[in-house]
Amino acid sequence: MKIAPRDITHYCRAPSGDHLWFLLHGADRGLMRERATQIARHFCQDLDDPFQSVTLQGSDVASDAARLSDEVGAYPVFGGERIVRLQGAGTEMLSAVKAALPLLQAGTRLIIEASDTTTRHALVKLAETEKQAASIGCYADESRDIGQLARDIFAKDTISISQDALSLLISRLGSDRMASRSEIEKLALYAGPNGQITSDDIEALLGDSSAQAIDLFMKTVISGDVAGLSPLLAKARQEEIAPILILRQMAGLFRQIYEVRTLIEQGTPAANALSQLRPPVHFKMKPLLSRATSHLNSKNALMLWDKIIKAEADLKSGQIGDVYAHMGQLLLGITLRLRQT
């Protein structure tokens, strides 16, 4: 059974007792691990108890397919629910999972984390068609997801944050759920119960050199500042700022440009279109976004957004020799495009 994206958060808090196995798949390992642990704890109070919970790796079952069958077929020694967790890329686990499923019984829950799969993968298709399974996509957080995560964490201690400060916070975070949660919890600890978080607080706690450099990259590229790009690329290499982080933020920027251009082409006035972005754009970025949306149509914005996403995927593949040069060529082409338009 496929769990619809809009229902995933609620489902993970209270997974169905009718489901004996759960497949968490996608590219965001932090989010995957968080949701898998949440589901496991719903059924098992002590995940550190070896009689109640066991964790296997994909390499374990790839070399010994019967091991997974043995684990899911074992009865809980002291009663209650037993959790079997399987973590791997995906393909290497497929045969073992197929062999083990007929042995899966009430009292045991199989939770699989497949980090290198798409919705077309055979393991995902299997989970989507099985009545006793739940297929849960775990993909990179979008801005609205990060914003909701922040609001949820701050609400626990009645911490307030303005919309501008929240927009700044979102711009400082990447798309990895675990890393975002860690940074947000750091802010919550700083503010304390019933506290308040301001833009200055975020700049002070999260405004490290990497975040500031990424901001400069975005401003330089959408300004068409070709001369300013070269020193930024050199600085990124020298300070070892991960190109994937830069491209993720850049992808989010061009997604916003595409959304605004689409609204404008549908008849929404430019100023109103920009204000409809959710979460709202930080005030420092509004002039630059306005410029970019006046220079690109939705088709071109979508094309550039797609190129950035593809470049990030290329870097993740591990097959790119010089990742900084690869990123630099892409960003130079985009910057030239925006200077010429």
C-alpha atoms as a PDB file:
ATOM      1  CA  MET A   1       0.000   0.000   0.000  1.00  0.00           C
ATOM      2  CA  LYS A   2       1.362   3.372  -0.971  1.00  0.00           C
ATOM      3  CA  ILE A   3       1.053   6.052   1.702  1.00  0.00           C
ATOM      4  CA  ALA A   4       0.168   9.365   0.053  1.00  0.00           C
ATOM      5  CA  PRO A   5       2.725  12.138   0.711  1.00  0.00           C
ATOM      6  CA  ARG A   6       0.111  14.272   2.477  1.00  0.00           C
ATOM      7  CA  ASP A   7      -0.616  11.407   4.919  1.00  0.00           C
ATOM      8  CA  ILE A   8       2.938  10.279   5.707  1.00  0.00           C
ATOM      9  CA  THR A   9       3.559  12.471   8.771  1.00  0.00           C
ATOM     10  CA  HIS A  10       0.316  11.376  10.428  1.00  0.00           C
ATOM     11  CA  TYR A  11       0.819   7.751   9.412  1.00  0.00           C
ATOM     12  CA  CYS A  12       4.316   7.494  10.895  1.00  0.00           C
ATOM     13  CA  ARG A  13       3.000   8.751  14.215  1.00  0.00           C
ATOM     14  CA  ALA A  14       0.341   6.017  14.263  1.00  0.00           C
ATOM     15  CA  PRO A  15       1.184   3.265  11.730  1.00  0.00           C
ATOM     16  CA  SER A  16      -1.523   0.743  10.920  1.00  0.00           C
ATOM     17  CA  GLY A  17      -1.487  -2.469  12.913  1.00  0.00           C
ATOM     18  CA  ASP A  18      -2.590  -4.274   9.740  1.00  0.00           C
ATOM     19  CA  HIS A  19       0.796  -3.619   8.146  1.00  0.00           C
ATOM     20  CA  LEU A  20       3.477  -6.169   8.940  1.00  0.00           C
ATOM     21  CA  TRP A  21       6.240  -4.575   6.895  1.00  0.00           C
ATOM     22  CA  PHE A  22       7.218  -1.064   5.987  1.00  0.00           C
ATOM     23  CA  LEU A  23       9.407   0.180   3.158  1.00  0.00           C
ATOM     24  CA  LEU A  24      10.983   3.607   3.502  1.00  0.00           C
ATOM     25  CA  HIS A  25      12.581   4.635   0.240  1.00  0.00           C
ATOM     26  CA  GLY A  26      14.124   7.722  -1.357  1.00  0.00           C
ATOM     27  CA  ALA A  27      17.160   9.948  -1.265  1.00  0.00           C
ATOM     28  CA  ASP A  28      16.952  11.589   2.182  1.00  0.00           C
ATOM     29  CA  ARG A  29      18.636   9.158   4.556  1.00  0.00           C
ATOM     30  CA  GLY A  30      18.124  11.420   7.554  1.00  0.00           C
ATOM     31  CA  LEU A  31      14.372  11.608   7.008  1.00  0.00           C
ATOM     32  CA  MET A  32      14.270   7.873   6.266  1.00  0.00           C
ATOM     33  CA  ARG A  33      16.025   7.003   9.521  1.00  0.00           C
ATOM     34  CA  GLU A  34      13.815   9.366  11.506  1.00  0.00           C
ATOM     35  CA  ARG A  35      10.593   7.861  10.152  1.00  0.00           C
ATOM     36  CA  ALA A  36      11.811   4.274  10.452  1.00  0.00           C
ATOM     37  CA  THR A  37      12.707   4.822  14.108  1.00  0.00           C
ATOM     38  CA  GLN A  38       9.358   6.500  14.737  1.00  0.00           C
ATOM     39  CA  ILE A  39       7.494   3.486  13.336  1.00  0.00           C
ATOM     40  CA  ALA A  40       9.709   1.028  15.223  1.00  0.00           C
ATOM     41  CA  ARG A  41       9.112   2.781  18.549  1.00  0.00           C
ATOM     42  CA  HIS A  42       5.360   2.653  17.990  1.00  0.00           C
ATOM     43  CA  PHE A  43       5.526  -1.143  18.150  1.00  0.00           C
ATOM     44  CA  CYS A  44       8.550  -1.703  20.407  1.00  0.00           C
ATOM     45  CA  GLN A  45       9.379   0.227  23.568  1.00  0.00           C
ATOM     46  CA  ASP A  46      13.042  -0.794  23.842  1.00  0.00           C
ATOM     47  CA  LEU A  47      14.890  -0.819  20.530  1.00  0.00           C
ATOM     48  CA  ASP A  48      18.156  -1.544  22.364  1.00  0.00           C
ATOM     49  CA  ASP A  49      16.865  -4.904  23.603  1.00  0.00           C
ATOM     50  CA  PRO A  50      18.402  -7.568  21.289  1.00  0.00           C
ATOM     51  CA  PHE A  51      15.458  -9.893  21.996  1.00  0.00           C
ATOM     52  CA  GLN A  52      12.992  -7.307  20.731  1.00  0.00           C
ATOM     53  CA  SER A  53      14.895  -5.565  17.959  1.00  0.00           C
ATOM     54  CA  VAL A  54      17.540  -6.602  15.446  1.00  0.00           C
ATOM     55  CA  THR A  55      19.143  -4.577  12.648  1.00  0.00           C
ATOM     56  CA  LEU A  56      20.575  -6.108   9.471  1.00  0.00           C
ATOM     57  CA  GLN A  57      22.464  -4.489   6.602  1.00  0.00           C
ATOM     58  CA  GLY A  58      21.794  -5.053   2.926  1.00  0.00           C
ATOM     59  CA  SER A  59      25.228  -6.658   2.576  1.00  0.00           C
ATOM     60  CA  ASP A  60      24.279  -9.201   5.256  1.00  0.00           C
ATOM     61  CA  VAL A  61      21.269 -10.524   3.361  1.00  0.00           C
ATOM     62  CA  ALA A  62      22.926 -10.200  -0.049  1.00  0.00           C
ATOM     63  CA  SER A  63      25.541 -12.767   0.989  1.00  0.00           C
ATOM     64  CA  ASP A  64      23.144 -14.860   3.085  1.00  0.00           C
ATOM     65  CA  ALA A  65      19.534 -14.487   1.925  1.00  0.00           C
ATOM     66  CA  ALA A  66      18.267 -17.024   4.491  1.00  0.00           C
ATOM     67  CA  ARG A  67      19.329 -14.790   7.375  1.00  0.00           C
ATOM     68  CA  LEU A  68      16.431 -12.394   6.876  1.00  0.00           C
ATOM     69  CA  SER A  69      13.969 -15.308   6.646  1.00  0.00           C
ATOM     70  CA  ASP A  70      15.330 -16.692   9.933  1.00  0.00           C
ATOM     71  CA  GLU A  71      14.911 -13.338  11.678  1.00  0.00           C
ATOM     72  CA  VAL A  72      11.360 -12.599  10.531  1.00  0.00           C
ATOM     73  CA  GLY A  73      10.287 -16.187  11.237  1.00  0.00           C
ATOM     74  CA  ALA A  74      11.548 -16.168  14.819  1.00  0.00           C
ATOM     75  CA  TYR A  75       9.011 -15.821  17.630  1.00  0.00           C
ATOM     76  CA  PRO A  76       9.497 -13.061  20.229  1.00  0.00           C
ATOM     77  CA  VAL A  77      11.130 -14.760  23.227  1.00  0.00           C
ATOM     78  CA  PHE A  78       9.247 -12.781  25.872  1.00  0.00           C
ATOM     79  CA  GLY A  79       6.122 -11.943  23.904  1.00  0.00           C
ATOM     80  CA  GLY A  80       5.167  -8.519  22.590  1.00  0.00           C
ATOM     81  CA  GLU A  81       6.235  -7.130  19.240  1.00  0.00           C
ATOM     82  CA  ARG A  82       9.580  -7.893  17.637  1.00  0.00           C
ATOM     83  CA  ILE A  83      11.245  -5.482  15.195  1.00  0.00           C
ATOM     84  CA  VAL A  84      13.511  -6.517  12.335  1.00  0.00           C
ATOM     85  CA  ARG A  85      15.187  -3.560  10.613  1.00  0.00           C
ATOM     86  CA  LEU A  86      16.918  -3.895   7.263  1.00  0.00           C
ATOM     87  CA  GLN A  87      19.062  -1.062   5.891  1.00  0.00           C
ATOM     88  CA  GLY A  88      20.700  -0.898   2.486  1.00  0.00           C
ATOM     89  CA  ALA A  89      20.616   0.475  -1.029  1.00  0.00           C
ATOM     90  CA  GLY A  90      17.674  -1.593  -2.262  1.00  0.00           C
ATOM     91  CA  THR A  91      18.525  -3.939  -5.095  1.00  0.00           C
ATOM     92  CA  GLU A  92      20.817  -6.158  -3.018  1.00  0.00           C
ATOM     93  CA  MET A  93      17.935  -6.792  -0.579  1.00  0.00           C
ATOM     94  CA  LEU A  94      15.218  -7.678  -3.081  1.00  0.00           C
ATOM     95  CA  SER A  95      15.692 -11.457  -3.282  1.00  0.00           C
ATOM     96  CA  ALA A  96      16.001 -11.852   0.486  1.00  0.00           C
ATOM     97  CA  VAL A  97      12.882  -9.751   1.103  1.00  0.00           C
ATOM     98  CA  LYS A  98      10.811 -11.772  -1.387  1.00  0.00           C
ATOM     99  CA  ALA A  99      11.905 -15.000   0.269  1.00  0.00           C
ATOM    100  CA  ALA A 100      11.216 -13.725   3.786  1.00  0.00           C
ATOM    101  CA  LEU A 101       7.762 -12.210   3.313  1.00  0.00           C
ATOM    102  CA  PRO A 102       5.817 -15.507   3.369  1.00  0.00           C
ATOM    103  CA  LEU A 103       7.388 -16.246   6.777  1.00  0.00           C
ATOM    104  CA  LEU A 104       6.466 -12.874   8.274  1.00  0.00           C
ATOM    105  CA  GLN A 105       3.861 -13.303  11.003  1.00  0.00           C
ATOM    106  CA  ALA A 106       1.867 -11.251  13.488  1.00  0.00           C
ATOM    107  CA  GLY A 107       4.109 -10.176  16.334  1.00  0.00           C
ATOM    108  CA  THR A 108       7.024  -9.298  14.048  1.00  0.00           C
ATOM    109  CA  ARG A 109       7.384  -6.085  12.040  1.00  0.00           C
ATOM    110  CA  LEU A 110       9.882  -5.736   9.223  1.00  0.00           C
ATOM    111  CA  ILE A 111      11.082  -2.170   8.612  1.00  0.00           C
ATOM    112  CA  ILE A 112      13.206  -1.657   5.482  1.00  0.00           C
ATOM    113  CA  GLU A 113      15.234   1.450   4.643  1.00  0.00           C
ATOM    114  CA  ALA A 114      16.199   1.502   0.945  1.00  0.00           C
ATOM    115  CA  SER A 115      18.323   4.562   0.240  1.00  0.00           C
ATOM    116  CA  ASP A 116      19.054   4.098  -3.461  1.00  0.00           C
ATOM    117  CA  THR A 117      15.613   3.570  -4.955  1.00  0.00           C
ATOM    118  CA  THR A 118      13.069   5.442  -7.020  1.00  0.00           C
ATOM    119  CA  THR A 119       9.333   4.941  -7.304  1.00  0.00           C
ATOM    120  CA  ARG A 120      10.019   2.605 -10.240  1.00  0.00           C
ATOM    121  CA  HIS A 121      12.220   0.241  -8.250  1.00  0.00           C
ATOM    122  CA  ALA A 122      11.007  -3.375  -7.956  1.00  0.00           C
ATOM    123  CA  LEU A 123      11.149  -3.244  -4.146  1.00  0.00           C
ATOM    124  CA  VAL A 124       8.959  -0.132  -4.106  1.00  0.00           C
ATOM    125  CA  LYS A 125       6.480  -1.664  -6.537  1.00  0.00           C
ATOM    126  CA  LEU A 126       6.302  -4.773  -4.349  1.00  0.00           C
ATOM    127  CA  ALA A 127       5.491  -2.753  -1.223  1.00  0.00           C
ATOM    128  CA  GLU A 128       2.882  -0.665  -3.035  1.00  0.00           C
ATOM    129  CA  THR A 129       0.957  -3.758  -4.164  1.00  0.00           C
ATOM    130  CA  GLU A 130       1.105  -5.713  -0.889  1.00  0.00           C
ATOM    131  CA  LYS A 131      -1.870  -5.250   1.463  1.00  0.00           C
ATOM    132  CA  GLN A 132       0.266  -5.971   4.522  1.00  0.00           C
ATOM    133  CA  ALA A 133       2.903  -3.400   3.527  1.00  0.00           C
ATOM    134  CA  ALA A 134       3.260   0.378   3.706  1.00  0.00           C
ATOM    135  CA  SER A 135       5.415   2.141   1.113  1.00  0.00           C
ATOM    136  CA  ILE A 136       6.670   5.499   2.398  1.00  0.00           C
ATOM    137  CA  GLY A 137       8.635   7.943   0.238  1.00  0.00           C
ATOM    138  CA  CYS A 138      11.436   9.892   1.915  1.00  0.00           C
ATOM    139  CA  TYR A 139      12.698  12.607  -0.353  1.00  0.00           C
ATOM    140  CA  ALA A 140      14.546  15.845   0.275  1.00  0.00           C
ATOM    141  CA  ASP A 141      12.605  18.326   2.344  1.00  0.00           C
ATOM    142  CA  GLU A 142      11.063  21.225   0.512  1.00  0.00           C
ATOM    143  CA  SER A 143      10.907  24.623   2.144  1.00  0.00           C
ATOM    144  CA  ARG A 144       7.381  24.094   3.449  1.00  0.00           C
ATOM    145  CA  ASP A 145       8.457  20.803   5.100  1.00  0.00           C
ATOM    146  CA  ILE A 146      11.388  22.458   6.856  1.00  0.00           C
ATOM    147  CA  GLY A 147       9.158  25.318   7.970  1.00  0.00           C
ATOM    148  CA  GLN A 148       6.634  22.894   9.466  1.00  0.00           C
ATOM    149  CA  LEU A 149       9.406  20.953  11.189  1.00  0.00           C
ATOM    150  CA  ALA A 150      10.642  24.200  12.781  1.00  0.00           C
ATOM    151  CA  ARG A 151       7.155  25.211  13.872  1.00  0.00           C
ATOM    152  CA  ASP A 152       6.558  21.789  15.446  1.00  0.00           C
ATOM    153  CA  ILE A 153       9.830  21.870  17.380  1.00  0.00           C
ATOM    154  CA  PHE A 154       9.364  25.456  18.573  1.00  0.00           C
ATOM    155  CA  ALA A 155       5.736  24.793  19.590  1.00  0.00           C
ATOM    156  CA  LYS A 156       6.861  22.188  22.141  1.00  0.00           C
ATOM    157  CA  ASP A 157       8.443  24.951  24.237  1.00  0.00           C
ATOM    158  CA  THR A 158       6.095  27.763  23.142  1.00  0.00           C
ATOM    159  CA  ILE A 159       8.915  29.506  21.283  1.00  0.00           C
ATOM    160  CA  SER A 160       7.873  32.307  18.929  1.00  0.00           C
ATOM    161  CA  ILE A 161       9.497  33.258  15.636  1.00  0.00           C
ATOM    162  CA  SER A 162       8.536  35.942  13.117  1.00  0.00           C
ATOM    163  CA  GLN A 163       7.784  35.067   9.505  1.00  0.00           C
ATOM    164  CA  ASP A 164      10.912  36.910   8.296  1.00  0.00           C
ATOM    165  CA  ALA A 165      13.064  35.027  10.796  1.00  0.00           C
ATOM    166  CA  LEU A 166      11.469  31.729   9.751  1.00  0.00           C
ATOM    167  CA  SER A 167      12.213  32.485   6.094  1.00  0.00           C
ATOM    168  CA  LEU A 168      15.834  33.229   6.991  1.00  0.00           C
ATOM    169  CA  LEU A 169      16.057  29.992   8.979  1.00  0.00           C
ATOM    170  CA  ILE A 170      14.744  27.969   6.031  1.00  0.00           C
ATOM    171  CA  SER A 171      17.294  29.606   3.724  1.00  0.00           C
ATOM    172  CA  ARG A 172      20.079  28.581   6.129  1.00  0.00           C
ATOM    173  CA  LEU A 173      19.090  24.912   6.155  1.00  0.00           C
ATOM    174  CA  GLY A 174      19.638  22.240   3.541  1.00  0.00           C
ATOM    175  CA  SER A 175      17.234  19.501   2.523  1.00  0.00           C
ATOM    176  CA  ASP A 176      18.532  16.755   4.827  1.00  0.00           C
ATOM    177  CA  ARG A 177      15.982  16.152   7.564  1.00  0.00           C
ATOM    178  CA  MET A 178      18.397  15.003  10.256  1.00  0.00           C
ATOM    179  CA  ALA A 179      20.753  17.951   9.777  1.00  0.00           C
ATOM    180  CA  SER A 180      17.833  20.410   9.748  1.00  0.00           C
ATOM    181  CA  ARG A 181      16.373  18.970  12.937  1.00  0.00           C
ATOM    182  CA  SER A 182      19.732  19.285  14.690  1.00  0.00           C
ATOM    183  CA  GLU A 183      20.093  22.964  13.760  1.00  0.00           C
ATOM    184  CA  ILE A 184      16.495  23.797  14.710  1.00  0.00           C
ATOM    185  CA  GLU A 185      16.834  22.050  18.072  1.00  0.00           C
ATOM    186  CA  LYS A 186      20.017  24.071  18.682  1.00  0.00           C
ATOM    187  CA  LEU A 187      17.999  27.248  18.195  1.00  0.00           C
ATOM    188  CA  ALA A 188      15.228  25.983  20.481  1.00  0.00           C
ATOM    189  CA  LEU A 189      17.754  25.232  23.222  1.00  0.00           C
ATOM    190  CA  TYR A 190      19.210  28.732  22.822  1.00  0.00           C
ATOM    191  CA  ALA A 191      15.799  30.438  23.046  1.00  0.00           C
ATOM    192  CA  GLY A 192      14.525  28.338  25.964  1.00  0.00           C
ATOM    193  CA  PRO A 193      10.884  27.781  26.977  1.00  0.00           C
ATOM    194  CA  ASN A 194       8.582  30.700  26.071  1.00  0.00           C
ATOM    195  CA  GLY A 195      11.489  32.376  24.302  1.00  0.00           C
ATOM    196  CA  GLN A 196      11.700  34.178  20.991  1.00  0.00           C
ATOM    197  CA  ILE A 197      13.961  33.653  17.990  1.00  0.00           C
ATOM    198  CA  THR A 198      14.968  36.639  15.872  1.00  0.00           C
ATOM    199  CA  SER A 199      16.816  36.994  12.588  1.00  0.00           C
ATOM    200  CA  ASP A 200      19.868  38.159  14.554  1.00  0.00           C
ATOM    201  CA  ASP A 201      19.778  34.947  16.598  1.00  0.00           C
ATOM    202  CA  ILE A 202      19.745  32.870  13.417  1.00  0.00           C
ATOM    203  CA  GLU A 203      22.607  34.860  11.896  1.00  0.00           C
ATOM    204  CA  ALA A 204      24.624  34.427  15.081  1.00  0.00           C
ATOM    205  CA  LEU A 205      24.021  30.699  15.519  1.00  0.00           C
ATOM    206  CA  LEU A 206      23.652  29.457  11.950  1.00  0.00           C
ATOM    207  CA  GLY A 207      25.336  32.189   9.955  1.00  0.00           C
ATOM    208  CA  ASP A 208      28.601  30.325   9.462  1.00  0.00           C
ATOM    209  CA  SER A 209      30.939  30.937   6.567  1.00  0.00           C
ATOM    210  CA  SER A 210      29.394  28.118   4.518  1.00  0.00           C
ATOM    211  CA  ALA A 211      25.884  29.572   4.759  1.00  0.00           C
ATOM    212  CA  GLN A 212      27.127  33.044   3.944  1.00  0.00           C
ATOM    213  CA  ALA A 213      29.103  31.743   0.956  1.00  0.00           C
ATOM    214  CA  ILE A 214      26.021  29.923  -0.364  1.00  0.00           C
ATOM    215  CA  ASP A 215      23.994  33.135  -0.043  1.00  0.00           C
ATOM    216  CA  LEU A 216      26.650  34.937  -2.068  1.00  0.00           C
ATOM    217  CA  PHE A 217      26.530  32.228  -4.724  1.00  0.00           C
ATOM    218  CA  MET A 218      22.775  32.675  -5.132  1.00  0.00           C
ATOM    219  CA  LYS A 219      22.995  36.459  -5.261  1.00  0.00           C
ATOM    220  CA  THR A 220      25.903  36.382  -7.714  1.00  0.00           C
ATOM    221  CA  VAL A 221      24.293  33.913 -10.101  1.00  0.00           C
ATOM    222  CA  ILE A 222      20.863  35.514 -10.339  1.00  0.00           C
ATOM    223  CA  SER A 223      22.473  38.953 -10.656  1.00  0.00           C
ATOM    224  CA  GLY A 224      24.373  37.739 -13.734  1.00  0.00           C
ATOM    225  CA  ASP A 225      27.640  38.759 -12.037  1.00  0.00           C
ATOM    226  CA  VAL A 226      30.138  36.696 -14.048  1.00  0.00           C
ATOM    227  CA  ALA A 227      33.194  38.469 -12.586  1.00  0.00           C
ATOM    228  CA  GLY A 228      32.032  37.782  -9.033  1.00  0.00           C
ATOM    229  CA  LEU A 229      31.538  34.068  -9.600  1.00  0.00           C
ATOM    230  CA  SER A 230      35.184  33.030 -10.028  1.00  0.00           C
ATOM    231  CA  PRO A 231      36.420  34.089  -6.559  1.00  0.00           C
ATOM    232  CA  LEU A 232      33.404  32.404  -4.975  1.00  0.00           C
ATOM    233  CA  LEU A 233      34.239  29.136  -6.713  1.00  0.00           C
ATOM    234  CA  ALA A 234      37.842  29.406  -5.538  1.00  0.00           C
ATOM    235  CA  LYS A 235      36.685  30.080  -1.972  1.00  0.00           C
ATOM    236  CA  ALA A 236      34.298  27.119  -2.017  1.00  0.00           C
ATOM    237  CA  ARG A 237      37.133  24.825  -3.071  1.00  0.00           C
ATOM    238  CA  GLN A 238      39.570  26.264  -0.527  1.00  0.00           C
ATOM    239  CA  GLU A 239      37.106  26.051   2.376  1.00  0.00           C
ATOM    240  CA  GLU A 240      35.729  22.687   1.181  1.00  0.00           C
ATOM    241  CA  ILE A 241      32.133  23.886   1.065  1.00  0.00           C
ATOM    242  CA  ALA A 242      30.198  20.906  -0.295  1.00  0.00           C
ATOM    243  CA  PRO A 243      29.002  21.581  -3.866  1.00  0.00           C
ATOM    244  CA  ILE A 244      25.879  19.511  -3.166  1.00  0.00           C
ATOM    245  CA  LEU A 245      24.816  22.012  -0.482  1.00  0.00           C
ATOM    246  CA  ILE A 246      25.306  24.907  -2.896  1.00  0.00           C
ATOM    247  CA  LEU A 247      23.313  23.192  -5.638  1.00  0.00           C
ATOM    248  CA  ARG A 248      20.477  22.274  -3.259  1.00  0.00           C
ATOM    249  CA  GLN A 249      20.032  25.896  -2.256  1.00  0.00           C
ATOM    250  CA  MET A 250      20.322  26.972  -5.883  1.00  0.00           C
ATOM    251  CA  ALA A 251      17.656  24.451  -6.885  1.00  0.00           C
ATOM    252  CA  GLY A 252      15.309  25.895  -4.259  1.00  0.00           C
ATOM    253  CA  LEU A 253      15.948  29.379  -5.604  1.00  0.00           C
ATOM    254  CA  PHE A 254      15.092  28.429  -9.194  1.00  0.00           C
ATOM    255  CA  ARG A 255      12.031  26.542  -8.014  1.00  0.00           C
ATOM    256  CA  GLN A 256      10.824  29.835  -6.533  1.00  0.00           C
ATOM    257  CA  ILE A 257      11.627  31.685  -9.767  1.00  0.00           C
ATOM    258  CA  TYR A 258       9.655  29.081 -11.722  1.00  0.00           C
ATOM    259  CA  GLU A 259       6.666  29.319  -9.359  1.00  0.00           C
ATOM    260  CA  VAL A 260       6.572  33.120  -9.575  1.00  0.00           C
ATOM    261  CA  ARG A 261       6.917  33.127 -13.382  1.00  0.00           C
ATOM    262  CA  THR A 262       4.094  30.591 -13.658  1.00  0.00           C
ATOM    263  CA  LEU A 263       1.814  32.809 -11.575  1.00  0.00           C
ATOM    264  CA  ILE A 264       2.739  35.872 -13.642  1.00  0.00           C
ATOM    265  CA  GLU A 265       2.016  34.064 -16.910  1.00  0.00           C
ATOM    266  CA  GLN A 266      -1.357  33.036 -15.488  1.00  0.00           C
ATOM    267  CA  GLY A 267      -2.235  36.700 -14.986  1.00  0.00           C
ATOM    268  CA  THR A 268      -1.065  37.452 -11.444  1.00  0.00           C
ATOM    269  CA  PRO A 269       0.697  40.850 -11.098  1.00  0.00           C
ATOM    270  CA  ALA A 270       4.436  40.442 -10.508  1.00  0.00           C
ATOM    271  CA  ALA A 271       4.405  41.986  -7.015  1.00  0.00           C
ATOM    272  CA  ASN A 272       1.504  39.799  -5.925  1.00  0.00           C
ATOM    273  CA  ALA A 273       3.097  36.663  -7.393  1.00  0.00           C
ATOM    274  CA  LEU A 274       6.253  37.179  -5.360  1.00  0.00           C
ATOM    275  CA  SER A 275       4.260  37.678  -2.167  1.00  0.00           C
ATOM    276  CA  GLN A 276       2.379  34.401  -2.722  1.00  0.00           C
ATOM    277  CA  LEU A 277       5.499  32.250  -2.277  1.00  0.00           C
ATOM    278  CA  ARG A 278       5.311  29.996   0.757  1.00  0.00           C
ATOM    279  CA  PRO A 279       7.257  30.288   2.907  1.00  0.00           C
ATOM    280  CA  PRO A 280       7.669  34.005   2.172  1.00  0.00           C
ATOM    281  CA  VAL A 281      10.928  35.146   0.617  1.00  0.00           C
ATOM    282  CA  HIS A 282      13.359  36.821   3.000  1.00  0.00           C
ATOM    283  CA  PHE A 283      13.290  40.566   2.380  1.00  0.00           C
ATOM    284  CA  LYS A 284      16.983  40.660   1.384  1.00  0.00           C
ATOM    285  CA  MET A 285      16.321  38.285  -1.519  1.00  0.00           C
ATOM    286  CA  LYS A 286      13.175  39.944  -2.883  1.00  0.00           C
ATOM    287  CA  PRO A 287      14.906  42.471  -5.223  1.00  0.00           C
ATOM    288  CA  LEU A 288      17.108  39.774  -6.735  1.00  0.00           C
ATOM    289  CA  LEU A 289      14.218  37.359  -7.190  1.00  0.00           C
ATOM    290  CA  SER A 290      12.202  40.130  -8.777  1.00  0.00           C
ATOM    291  CA  ARG A 291      15.026  40.790 -11.235  1.00  0.00           C
ATOM    292  CA  ALA A 292      15.382  37.118 -12.123  1.00  0.00           C
ATOM    293  CA  THR A 293      11.663  36.636 -12.668  1.00  0.00           C
ATOM    294  CA  SER A 294      11.630  39.618 -15.026  1.00  0.00           C
ATOM    295  CA  HIS A 295      14.447  38.102 -17.099  1.00  0.00           C
ATOM    296  CA  LEU A 296      13.208  34.501 -17.368  1.00  0.00           C
ATOM    297  CA  ASN A 297       9.957  32.920 -18.462  1.00  0.00           C
ATOM    298  CA  SER A 298       8.605  29.795 -16.763  1.00  0.00           C
ATOM    299  CA  LYS A 299       9.951  27.478 -19.467  1.00  0.00           C
ATOM    300  CA  ASN A 300      13.520  28.771 -19.091  1.00  0.00           C
ATOM    301  CA  ALA A 301      13.304  28.814 -15.292  1.00  0.00           C
ATOM    302  CA  LEU A 302      12.139  25.191 -15.309  1.00  0.00           C
ATOM    303  CA  MET A 303      14.961  24.219 -17.676  1.00  0.00           C
ATOM    304  CA  LEU A 304      17.591  25.782 -15.394  1.00  0.00           C
ATOM    305  CA  TRP A 305      15.994  24.217 -12.302  1.00  0.00           C
ATOM    306  CA  ASP A 306      16.142  20.794 -13.981  1.00  0.00           C
ATOM    307  CA  LYS A 307      19.816  21.295 -14.878  1.00  0.00           C
ATOM    308  CA  ILE A 308      20.680  22.063 -11.269  1.00  0.00           C
ATOM    309  CA  ILE A 309      18.801  19.001  -9.996  1.00  0.00           C
ATOM    310  CA  LYS A 310      20.578  16.826 -12.566  1.00  0.00           C
ATOM    311  CA  ALA A 311      23.965  18.256 -11.570  1.00  0.00           C
ATOM    312  CA  GLU A 312      23.272  17.427  -7.915  1.00  0.00           C
ATOM    313  CA  ALA A 313      22.345  13.865  -8.906  1.00  0.00           C
ATOM    314  CA  ASP A 314      25.570  13.611 -10.925  1.00  0.00           C
ATOM    315  CA  LEU A 315      27.618  14.645  -7.891  1.00  0.00           C
ATOM    316  CA  LYS A 316      25.819  12.111  -5.682  1.00  0.00           C
ATOM    317  CA  SER A 317      26.679   9.335  -8.136  1.00  0.00           C
ATOM    318  CA  GLY A 318      30.333   9.605  -7.134  1.00  0.00           C
ATOM    319  CA  GLN A 319      31.425   9.374 -10.756  1.00  0.00           C
ATOM    320  CA  ILE A 320      32.418  13.035 -11.169  1.00  0.00           C
ATOM    321  CA  GLY A 321      36.148  13.604 -10.857  1.00  0.00           C
ATOM    322  CA  ASP A 322      36.359  17.310  -9.997  1.00  0.00           C
ATOM    323  CA  VAL A 323      33.054  18.179  -8.333  1.00  0.00           C
ATOM    324  CA  TYR A 324      33.943  21.863  -7.975  1.00  0.00           C
ATOM    325  CA  ALA A 325      34.739  22.207 -11.692  1.00  0.00           C
ATOM    326  CA  HIS A 326      31.512  20.400 -12.565  1.00  0.00           C
ATOM    327  CA  MET A 327      29.489  22.755 -10.398  1.00  0.00           C
ATOM    328  CA  GLY A 328      31.423  25.782 -11.649  1.00  0.00           C
ATOM    329  CA  GLN A 329      30.686  25.053 -15.310  1.00  0.00           C
ATOM    330  CA  LEU A 330      26.973  24.781 -14.580  1.00  0.00           C
ATOM    331  CA  LEU A 331      26.789  27.964 -12.509  1.00  0.00           C
ATOM    332  CA  LEU A 332      28.865  29.914 -15.017  1.00  0.00           C
ATOM    333  CA  GLY A 333      26.461  28.933 -17.798  1.00  0.00           C
ATOM    334  CA  ILE A 334      23.469  30.034 -15.711  1.00  0.00           C
ATOM    335  CA  THR A 335      25.143  33.298 -14.706  1.00  0.00           C
ATOM    336  CA  LEU A 336      25.969  34.077 -18.341  1.00  0.00           C
ATOM    337  CA  ARG A 337      22.378  33.297 -19.280  1.00  0.00           C
ATOM    338  CA  LEU A 338      21.052  35.768 -16.733  1.00  0.00           C
ATOM    339  CA  ARG A 339      23.571  38.444 -17.733  1.00  0.00           C
ATOM    340  CA  GLN A 340      22.518  38.202 -21.371  1.00  0.00           C
ATOM    341  CA  THR A 341      18.754  38.255 -20.787  1.00  0.00           C
END
